[in-house]
């Protein structure tokens, strides 16, 4: 009968030295990005509506005009709304 071969015992592994935790990195302070509005109100409009708003408001005034219209609407101020319409008429020429 064939004899079984016995395996030689594996040599013991050398123990690894304990890892020391890395020191925590100091957090960088972020510079303030300037004043932020309290809220953002977003609406979806068509490209034609957007073009009409920009045309009526004049160059670079669309946001100001829309804010004025919304403020006049929310306060029920028809005089303020009329002023916005007059400014838009002047911007159109």
C-alpha atoms as a PDB file:
ATOM      1  CA  UNK A   1       0.000   0.000   0.000  1.00  0.00           C
ATOM      2  CA  UNK A   2       1.096   3.512  -0.740  1.00  0.00           C
ATOM      3  CA  UNK A   3       1.918   5.638   2.218  1.00  0.00           C
ATOM      4  CA  UNK A   4       0.444   9.088   2.740  1.00  0.00           C
ATOM      5  CA  UNK A   5       2.787  11.960   2.537  1.00  0.00           C
ATOM      6  CA  UNK A   6       2.584  14.360   5.381  1.00  0.00           C
ATOM      7  CA  UNK A   7       2.834  18.058   4.695  1.00  0.00           C
ATOM      8  CA  UNK A   8       5.513  20.013   6.390  1.00  0.00           C
ATOM      9  CA  UNK A   9       4.135  22.663   8.726  1.00  0.00           C
ATOM     10  CA  UNK A  10       4.109  26.198   7.276  1.00  0.00           C
ATOM     11  CA  UNK A  11       6.497  28.611   8.873  1.00  0.00           C
ATOM     12  CA  UNK A  12       4.777  31.143  11.102  1.00  0.00           C
ATOM     13  CA  UNK A  13       4.341  34.596   9.571  1.00  0.00           C
ATOM     14  CA  UNK A  14       6.105  37.454  11.228  1.00  0.00           C
ATOM     15  CA  UNK A  15       3.699  39.725  13.085  1.00  0.00           C
ATOM     16  CA  UNK A  16       3.179  43.089  11.410  1.00  0.00           C
ATOM     17  CA  UNK A  17       3.857  46.131  13.540  1.00  0.00           C
ATOM     18  CA  UNK A  18       0.674  47.924  14.611  1.00  0.00           C
ATOM     19  CA  UNK A  19      -0.303  50.773  12.270  1.00  0.00           C
ATOM     20  CA  UNK A  20      -0.374  54.166  13.830  1.00  0.00           C
ATOM     21  CA  UNK A  21      -3.343  56.335  12.856  1.00  0.00           C
ATOM     22  CA  UNK A  22      -2.569  59.296  10.649  1.00  0.00           C
ATOM     23  CA  UNK A  23      -2.947  62.693  12.274  1.00  0.00           C
ATOM     24  CA  UNK A  24      -6.149  64.484  11.269  1.00  0.00           C
ATOM     25  CA  UNK A  25      -5.717  67.169   8.642  1.00  0.00           C
ATOM     26  CA  UNK A  26      -6.913  70.609   9.645  1.00  0.00           C
ATOM     27  CA  UNK A  27     -10.031  71.649   7.739  1.00  0.00           C
ATOM     28  CA  UNK A  28      -9.637  74.576   5.398  1.00  0.00           C
ATOM     29  CA  UNK A  29     -11.952  77.455   6.083  1.00  0.00           C
ATOM     30  CA  UNK A  30     -14.101  78.394   3.104  1.00  0.00           C
ATOM     31  CA  UNK A  31     -14.353  82.022   2.183  1.00  0.00           C
ATOM     32  CA  UNK A  32     -17.898  83.389   2.150  1.00  0.00           C
ATOM     33  CA  UNK A  33     -19.288  83.607  -1.361  1.00  0.00           C
ATOM     34  CA  UNK A  34     -21.230  86.760  -0.737  1.00  0.00           C
ATOM     35  CA  UNK A  35     -24.832  87.430   0.149  1.00  0.00           C
ATOM     36  CA  UNK A  36     -27.330  84.787  -0.843  1.00  0.00           C
ATOM     37  CA  UNK A  37     -31.005  85.420  -1.395  1.00  0.00           C
ATOM     38  CA  UNK A  38     -33.356  83.835   1.092  1.00  0.00           C
ATOM     39  CA  UNK A  39     -35.205  81.763  -1.469  1.00  0.00           C
ATOM     40  CA  UNK A  40     -35.262  80.931  -5.161  1.00  0.00           C
ATOM     41  CA  UNK A  41     -38.536  80.792  -7.059  1.00  0.00           C
ATOM     42  CA  UNK A  42     -38.274  78.905 -10.324  1.00  0.00           C
ATOM     43  CA  UNK A  43     -40.824  78.754 -13.127  1.00  0.00           C
ATOM     44  CA  UNK A  44     -40.773  77.011 -16.470  1.00  0.00           C
ATOM     45  CA  UNK A  45     -41.395  79.212 -19.467  1.00  0.00           C
ATOM     46  CA  UNK A  46     -41.134  78.689 -23.194  1.00  0.00           C
ATOM     47  CA  UNK A  47     -38.342  80.159 -25.271  1.00  0.00           C
ATOM     48  CA  UNK A  48     -40.801  82.612 -26.796  1.00  0.00           C
ATOM     49  CA  UNK A  49     -41.909  83.831 -23.362  1.00  0.00           C
ATOM     50  CA  UNK A  50     -38.293  84.236 -22.272  1.00  0.00           C
ATOM     51  CA  UNK A  51     -37.459  86.238 -25.391  1.00  0.00           C
ATOM     52  CA  UNK A  52     -40.490  88.458 -24.840  1.00  0.00           C
ATOM     53  CA  UNK A  53     -39.502  89.111 -21.196  1.00  0.00           C
ATOM     54  CA  UNK A  54     -35.962  90.052 -22.200  1.00  0.00           C
ATOM     55  CA  UNK A  55     -37.242  92.276 -24.995  1.00  0.00           C
ATOM     56  CA  UNK A  56     -39.707  94.042 -22.674  1.00  0.00           C
ATOM     57  CA  UNK A  57     -37.241  94.386 -19.797  1.00  0.00           C
ATOM     58  CA  UNK A  58     -34.364  95.719 -21.819  1.00  0.00           C
ATOM     59  CA  UNK A  59     -30.782  94.497 -21.639  1.00  0.00           C
ATOM     60  CA  UNK A  60     -29.878  92.722 -18.402  1.00  0.00           C
ATOM     61  CA  UNK A  61     -33.022  93.741 -16.512  1.00  0.00           C
ATOM     62  CA  UNK A  62     -35.253  90.669 -16.779  1.00  0.00           C
ATOM     63  CA  UNK A  63     -34.777  89.498 -13.189  1.00  0.00           C
ATOM     64  CA  UNK A  64     -35.399  92.970 -11.773  1.00  0.00           C
ATOM     65  CA  UNK A  65     -38.588  93.332 -13.824  1.00  0.00           C
ATOM     66  CA  UNK A  66     -39.908  89.907 -12.828  1.00  0.00           C
ATOM     67  CA  UNK A  67     -39.198  90.638  -9.142  1.00  0.00           C
ATOM     68  CA  UNK A  68     -41.043  93.948  -9.445  1.00  0.00           C
ATOM     69  CA  UNK A  69     -44.037  92.287 -11.091  1.00  0.00           C
ATOM     70  CA  UNK A  70     -44.200  89.559  -8.455  1.00  0.00           C
ATOM     71  CA  UNK A  71     -43.863  92.056  -5.603  1.00  0.00           C
ATOM     72  CA  UNK A  72     -46.611  94.259  -7.077  1.00  0.00           C
ATOM     73  CA  UNK A  73     -48.840  91.218  -7.578  1.00  0.00           C
ATOM     74  CA  UNK A  74     -48.308  89.875  -4.069  1.00  0.00           C
ATOM     75  CA  UNK A  75     -49.093  93.256  -2.488  1.00  0.00           C
ATOM     76  CA  UNK A  76     -51.946  94.067  -4.843  1.00  0.00           C
ATOM     77  CA  UNK A  77     -50.158  97.286  -5.774  1.00  0.00           C
ATOM     78  CA  UNK A  78     -51.599  98.316  -9.136  1.00  0.00           C
ATOM     79  CA  UNK A  79     -49.532 101.535  -9.215  1.00  0.00           C
ATOM     80  CA  UNK A  80     -46.265  99.572  -8.906  1.00  0.00           C
ATOM     81  CA  UNK A  81     -47.452  97.204 -11.618  1.00  0.00           C
ATOM     82  CA  UNK A  82     -48.285 100.196 -13.856  1.00  0.00           C
ATOM     83  CA  UNK A  83     -44.752 101.593 -13.255  1.00  0.00           C
ATOM     84  CA  UNK A  84     -43.247  98.270 -14.365  1.00  0.00           C
ATOM     85  CA  UNK A  85     -45.359  98.395 -17.530  1.00  0.00           C
ATOM     86  CA  UNK A  86     -44.235 101.980 -18.207  1.00  0.00           C
ATOM     87  CA  UNK A  87     -40.566 101.031 -17.761  1.00  0.00           C
ATOM     88  CA  UNK A  88     -41.021  98.099 -20.129  1.00  0.00           C
ATOM     89  CA  UNK A  89     -42.623 100.396 -22.719  1.00  0.00           C
ATOM     90  CA  UNK A  90     -39.659 102.775 -22.445  1.00  0.00           C
ATOM     91  CA  UNK A  91     -37.180  99.884 -22.783  1.00  0.00           C
ATOM     92  CA  UNK A  92     -38.888  98.731 -25.967  1.00  0.00           C
ATOM     93  CA  UNK A  93     -38.504 102.209 -27.428  1.00  0.00           C
END
